Protein backbone atom coordinates (compact mmCIF):
# COMPACT_ATOMS: atom_id res chain seq x y z
CA MET A 1 10.18 23.67 -63.73
CA LYS A 2 12.74 21.58 -62.42
CA LYS A 3 13.03 24.69 -59.79
CA ARG A 4 9.81 24.49 -58.41
CA LEU A 5 9.40 20.78 -58.53
CA LEU A 6 13.20 20.51 -56.32
CA ALA A 7 11.35 23.65 -53.70
CA TRP A 8 7.79 21.71 -53.80
CA PHE A 9 9.80 18.13 -52.76
CA ILE A 10 11.77 20.12 -50.10
CA LEU A 11 8.52 21.92 -48.84
CA SER A 12 7.10 18.37 -48.33
CA ILE A 13 9.81 16.78 -46.56
CA MET A 14 9.59 19.38 -44.40
CA THR A 15 6.14 19.03 -43.75
CA LEU A 16 6.30 15.51 -42.90
CA VAL A 17 9.27 16.02 -40.24
CA THR A 18 7.16 18.76 -39.01
CA GLY A 19 4.16 16.52 -38.30
CA CYS A 20 6.70 14.21 -36.73
CA ALA A 21 7.66 15.75 -34.73
CA SER A 22 4.71 16.79 -33.82
CA ALA A 23 3.49 13.11 -33.09
CA GLY A 24 6.56 12.43 -30.86
CA THR A 25 5.78 15.03 -28.90
CA ALA A 26 2.63 13.97 -28.54
CA GLY A 27 3.80 10.42 -27.74
CA SER A 28 6.29 11.85 -24.75
CA ASP A 29 2.90 13.87 -23.74
CA GLU A 30 1.72 10.29 -23.74
CA GLU A 31 3.56 8.28 -22.03
CA LYS A 32 3.78 10.41 -18.84
CA THR A 33 0.48 9.60 -18.34
CA ILE A 34 1.19 6.80 -14.91
CA LYS A 35 -2.12 5.28 -14.49
CA ILE A 36 -1.83 3.71 -10.25
CA GLY A 37 -4.12 1.73 -9.15
CA VAL A 38 -4.86 2.11 -4.84
CA THR A 39 -7.23 1.05 -2.34
CA GLY A 40 -9.77 3.65 -0.15
CA GLY A 41 -8.62 5.72 2.76
CA PRO A 42 -4.88 7.00 3.14
CA PRO A 43 -3.54 5.12 -0.36
CA GLU A 44 -5.98 7.06 -1.95
CA GLU A 45 -5.68 10.35 -0.52
CA ILE A 46 -1.95 10.22 0.11
CA THR A 47 -1.29 9.57 -3.35
CA LYS A 48 -4.07 12.80 -4.51
CA ILE A 49 -1.33 15.09 -2.64
CA VAL A 50 1.26 12.87 -5.14
CA LYS A 51 -0.68 13.68 -8.02
CA GLU A 52 -1.02 17.29 -7.37
CA GLU A 53 3.33 17.46 -6.93
CA ALA A 54 3.93 14.99 -9.96
CA LYS A 55 1.48 17.93 -11.66
CA LYS A 56 4.14 20.10 -11.24
CA GLU A 57 6.31 18.62 -12.85
CA GLY A 58 4.37 17.64 -15.88
CA ILE A 59 3.40 14.09 -15.31
CA ASN A 60 -0.03 13.66 -15.16
CA LEU A 61 -1.01 10.50 -12.24
CA GLU A 62 -4.26 8.78 -13.16
CA VAL A 63 -5.13 7.47 -9.59
CA VAL A 64 -8.03 4.40 -10.25
CA GLU A 65 -9.52 3.34 -7.03
CA PHE A 66 -10.01 -0.73 -6.25
CA ASN A 67 -12.40 -2.19 -3.62
CA ASP A 68 -10.35 -5.04 -2.70
CA TYR A 69 -6.66 -6.00 -2.30
CA ILE A 70 -5.67 -8.68 -5.65
CA THR A 71 -7.78 -6.73 -7.93
CA PRO A 72 -5.18 -4.24 -8.40
CA ASN A 73 -2.26 -6.18 -8.50
CA ARG A 74 -3.91 -8.12 -11.03
CA ALA A 75 -4.51 -5.17 -13.57
CA LEU A 76 -0.94 -4.14 -13.24
CA GLU A 77 -0.02 -7.45 -14.02
CA SER A 78 -1.99 -7.39 -17.30
CA GLY A 79 -1.18 -3.83 -17.36
CA GLU A 80 -4.34 -2.04 -16.86
CA LEU A 81 -2.13 -0.15 -14.46
CA ASP A 82 1.62 1.02 -14.68
CA LEU A 83 1.76 1.16 -10.81
CA ASN A 84 -0.09 0.47 -7.49
CA MET A 85 -0.11 1.51 -3.83
CA PHE A 86 -2.41 -0.43 -1.61
CA GLN A 87 -0.03 -3.23 0.31
CA THR A 88 3.04 -3.50 2.11
CA LYS A 89 6.43 -5.34 0.99
CA GLN A 90 5.07 -8.19 2.83
CA PHE A 91 2.19 -9.18 1.54
CA LEU A 92 2.92 -7.95 -2.45
CA GLY A 93 6.12 -10.45 -1.54
CA GLN A 94 3.80 -13.27 -0.56
CA PHE A 95 0.94 -12.32 -3.65
CA VAL A 96 4.00 -12.67 -5.78
CA GLU A 97 5.27 -16.01 -4.30
CA ASP A 98 1.48 -17.24 -4.70
CA HIS A 99 0.76 -16.68 -8.07
CA LYS A 100 4.43 -16.06 -9.70
CA ALA A 101 3.35 -12.56 -10.87
CA PRO A 102 6.02 -10.67 -12.39
CA ILE A 103 5.88 -7.29 -10.65
CA ILE A 104 8.22 -5.99 -7.76
CA ALA A 105 8.29 -3.38 -5.51
CA LEU A 106 10.07 0.32 -6.80
CA GLY A 107 9.95 1.73 -3.31
CA THR A 108 8.54 2.45 0.21
CA THR A 109 5.58 5.14 0.80
CA TYR A 110 4.54 5.10 4.67
CA ASN A 111 3.84 2.64 7.45
CA SER A 112 1.22 2.53 9.11
CA SER A 113 0.02 0.48 12.46
CA MET A 114 -2.08 -1.72 14.03
CA GLY A 115 -3.75 -1.79 17.47
CA ILE A 116 -6.20 -4.02 19.27
CA TYR A 117 -9.29 -3.20 19.54
CA SER A 118 -12.24 -4.66 21.98
CA GLU A 119 -15.77 -3.70 22.63
CA LYS A 120 -15.47 -5.61 26.61
CA TYR A 121 -12.06 -4.87 27.61
CA GLU A 122 -10.41 -1.24 28.05
CA SER A 123 -6.93 -3.36 28.34
CA VAL A 124 -4.76 -6.03 27.27
CA ASP A 125 -4.17 -7.07 31.49
CA GLU A 126 -8.06 -7.45 31.36
CA ILE A 127 -8.90 -10.58 28.26
CA PRO A 128 -9.88 -13.03 30.07
CA GLU A 129 -9.07 -16.39 30.39
CA GLY A 130 -10.26 -18.44 27.13
CA ALA A 131 -11.41 -15.32 25.46
CA THR A 132 -11.96 -15.57 22.49
CA LEU A 133 -9.83 -13.01 19.50
CA GLY A 134 -9.59 -12.09 15.78
CA VAL A 135 -6.27 -12.29 13.88
CA VAL A 136 -6.76 -11.07 10.18
CA ASN A 137 -7.02 -13.70 7.82
CA ASP A 138 -4.72 -13.04 4.56
CA PRO A 139 -1.04 -15.29 5.39
CA VAL A 140 0.49 -11.91 5.89
CA ASN A 141 -1.78 -10.33 8.39
CA ILE A 142 -2.42 -13.76 9.93
CA TRP A 143 1.45 -13.61 11.31
CA ARG A 144 1.05 -9.62 11.96
CA SER A 145 -1.45 -9.91 13.97
CA LEU A 146 -0.01 -12.95 15.93
CA LEU A 147 3.17 -10.85 16.30
CA LEU A 148 1.04 -7.95 18.06
CA TYR A 149 -0.30 -10.83 20.71
CA GLU A 150 2.81 -11.44 21.37
CA GLU A 151 4.38 -8.18 21.65
CA VAL A 152 1.26 -7.58 24.39
CA GLY A 153 2.63 -11.31 26.22
CA LEU A 154 -0.38 -12.45 25.47
CA ILE A 155 1.18 -15.33 23.39
CA LYS A 156 4.47 -16.67 22.04
CA VAL A 157 4.84 -17.66 18.85
CA LYS A 158 8.34 -20.23 17.52
CA PRO A 159 9.87 -18.80 15.03
CA THR A 160 9.54 -19.38 11.42
CA ASP A 161 11.32 -19.17 8.27
CA GLY A 162 8.60 -17.92 6.60
CA LEU A 163 5.08 -16.37 7.54
CA ALA A 164 3.83 -17.40 11.30
CA THR A 165 0.28 -19.20 11.39
CA ILE A 166 -2.06 -20.00 14.15
CA GLN A 167 -0.31 -23.70 14.92
CA ASP A 168 2.91 -22.17 15.03
CA ILE A 169 1.55 -20.66 18.94
CA GLU A 170 4.01 -22.48 21.19
CA GLU A 171 2.66 -20.02 24.22
CA ASN A 172 -1.13 -19.37 24.72
CA PRO A 173 -1.12 -19.31 29.05
CA ARG A 174 -4.37 -17.93 28.92
CA ASN A 175 -5.86 -20.92 26.60
CA LEU A 176 -7.20 -17.73 23.55
CA GLU A 177 -8.85 -18.80 20.55
CA PHE A 178 -7.93 -17.18 17.52
CA ILE A 179 -10.43 -16.34 14.84
CA GLU A 180 -9.20 -15.39 11.47
CA ILE A 181 -11.73 -12.62 10.38
CA GLU A 182 -11.84 -10.13 6.89
CA GLY A 183 -9.93 -7.50 8.25
CA PRO A 184 -12.12 -5.12 6.82
CA LEU A 185 -15.48 -6.59 8.49
CA MET A 186 -12.98 -6.83 11.90
CA LEU A 187 -14.74 -3.77 13.36
CA ARG A 188 -17.91 -4.94 12.76
CA THR A 189 -17.36 -8.28 14.25
CA LEU A 190 -15.85 -7.14 18.15
CA ASN A 191 -19.38 -7.41 19.79
CA SER A 192 -19.46 -11.24 19.18
CA ILE A 193 -15.36 -11.99 19.99
CA ASP A 194 -13.16 -10.32 22.87
CA ALA A 195 -11.32 -8.63 20.55
CA GLY A 196 -9.56 -8.46 17.45
CA ILE A 197 -6.27 -6.79 14.61
CA VAL A 198 -7.42 -4.20 13.49
CA ALA A 199 -5.40 -1.69 10.09
CA SER A 200 -4.90 1.88 12.02
CA THR A 201 -6.71 2.73 8.59
CA HIS A 202 -9.75 0.61 8.43
CA ALA A 203 -10.41 2.61 12.19
CA LEU A 204 -9.69 5.96 10.08
CA ASP A 205 -12.10 4.71 7.58
CA GLN A 206 -14.74 3.62 9.95
CA GLY A 207 -14.43 7.68 11.80
CA LEU A 208 -12.77 6.08 14.93
CA ASP A 209 -9.46 7.86 16.91
CA PRO A 210 -7.04 4.69 16.95
CA LYS A 211 -4.64 6.59 20.05
CA LYS A 212 -8.21 6.76 21.64
CA GLU A 213 -10.30 3.78 20.40
CA ALA A 214 -7.66 0.45 20.63
CA ILE A 215 -7.11 -0.88 23.35
CA TYR A 216 -2.97 -0.98 22.39
CA LEU A 217 -1.36 0.19 19.42
CA GLU A 218 1.38 -1.73 17.42
CA GLU A 219 4.79 -0.18 18.01
CA GLY A 220 7.71 0.22 15.67
CA ALA A 221 6.10 -1.86 12.96
CA GLU A 222 8.37 -2.91 10.26
CA PHE A 223 5.37 -3.14 7.22
CA PRO A 224 6.17 -0.41 4.83
CA MET A 225 3.52 0.45 2.03
CA VAL A 226 5.35 0.06 -1.01
CA VAL A 227 4.27 1.42 -4.66
CA ALA A 228 4.42 -1.77 -7.35
CA ALA A 229 5.56 -2.24 -11.05
CA LYS A 230 6.28 -4.64 -13.69
CA GLU A 231 9.66 -5.92 -13.29
CA LYS A 232 10.48 -4.70 -17.27
CA ASP A 233 9.70 -1.04 -15.70
CA LYS A 234 12.16 -1.41 -12.48
CA ASP A 235 14.25 1.52 -13.47
CA ASN A 236 11.70 4.04 -15.28
CA PRO A 237 12.72 7.51 -14.25
CA ASN A 238 9.22 9.14 -13.84
CA TYR A 239 8.17 6.21 -11.65
CA LYS A 240 11.01 6.68 -9.82
CA ARG A 241 9.86 9.83 -9.35
CA ILE A 242 6.32 9.13 -8.09
CA ILE A 243 7.71 7.24 -5.09
CA GLU A 244 10.19 10.39 -4.40
CA LEU A 245 7.50 12.42 -4.98
CA TYR A 246 5.38 10.18 -1.64
CA HIS A 247 8.35 11.36 0.30
CA SER A 248 7.69 15.33 -0.54
CA ASP A 249 7.82 18.01 1.82
CA ALA A 250 3.74 18.45 1.00
CA VAL A 251 2.99 14.73 1.45
CA LYS A 252 4.93 14.78 4.23
CA GLN A 253 2.51 17.92 5.78
CA PHE A 254 -0.57 16.24 4.47
CA ILE A 255 0.53 12.38 6.78
CA GLU A 256 0.72 14.56 9.56
CA GLU A 257 -1.63 16.75 9.71
CA ARG A 258 -4.29 14.37 8.69
CA TYR A 259 -2.90 11.10 10.78
CA GLU A 260 -0.65 12.48 13.38
CA ASP A 261 0.96 9.84 15.13
CA ILE A 262 -0.69 6.96 13.27
CA LEU A 263 1.11 7.06 10.22
CA PHE A 264 4.46 8.64 9.22
CA VAL A 265 7.00 8.39 6.06
CA THR A 266 9.16 6.03 5.59
CA ASP A 267 12.96 7.01 5.80
CA ASN A 268 14.47 6.01 2.57
CA PRO A 269 12.00 5.56 -0.63
CA PHE A 270 14.00 2.71 -2.11
CA GLN A 271 15.47 1.01 0.88
CA LEU A 272 13.30 -2.66 0.66
CA ASP A 273 15.68 -4.71 2.32
């Protein structure tokens, strides 16, 4: 009788251990499911390639699409997302400063250009005195828009410790007027202004070829897109692996074929300075 009780006891313990092990395995699989927020266009398209590459390594990447530039950071901050990839390093830095959000850039993915577009003129030189020019209306892209207008010689922006604003224009020889317009609306507004700044990703979304349609394309832009995460997850190896996959051969090939010279993968995924 004692032997039977002992055997039953041992069998029960073994069943319990096996059940716990199975539960642990299921938990591990669950931990490898990573929710990443993106916006439409290149962020979504490129991240879907990353998803395919991650799947080969046993990492399930769930891509969640957003249609604005604030909610993905809020969703990351609240824990609804594990990562997001939709913004430049500078945009994230400004968001963190404004909202005191405990999120950080883990690494970079790709760079994209901005361009000057016009329905009235075929070159920057044709833009007349007193023309009205559009700048993208968030703080980072106001600065970037002004730098682009400076790059082509239309204005000069005085050096600042932070982001430049329209008030920081120190030379404006053509007496140009600048108005702030939401980035996705700039193309629709071109018929009522003389020229405006449009992100190449927005141009592509509207079926335009930036190399043909822009009267000038930004050169050597240093506004890399980043993968963001919560500060507490900065050392998560799966998250770091996702960043590395944005630099995989499959992603590079997709970008070269789909976007040619408009987008390009950053050199070092973890170089953020």
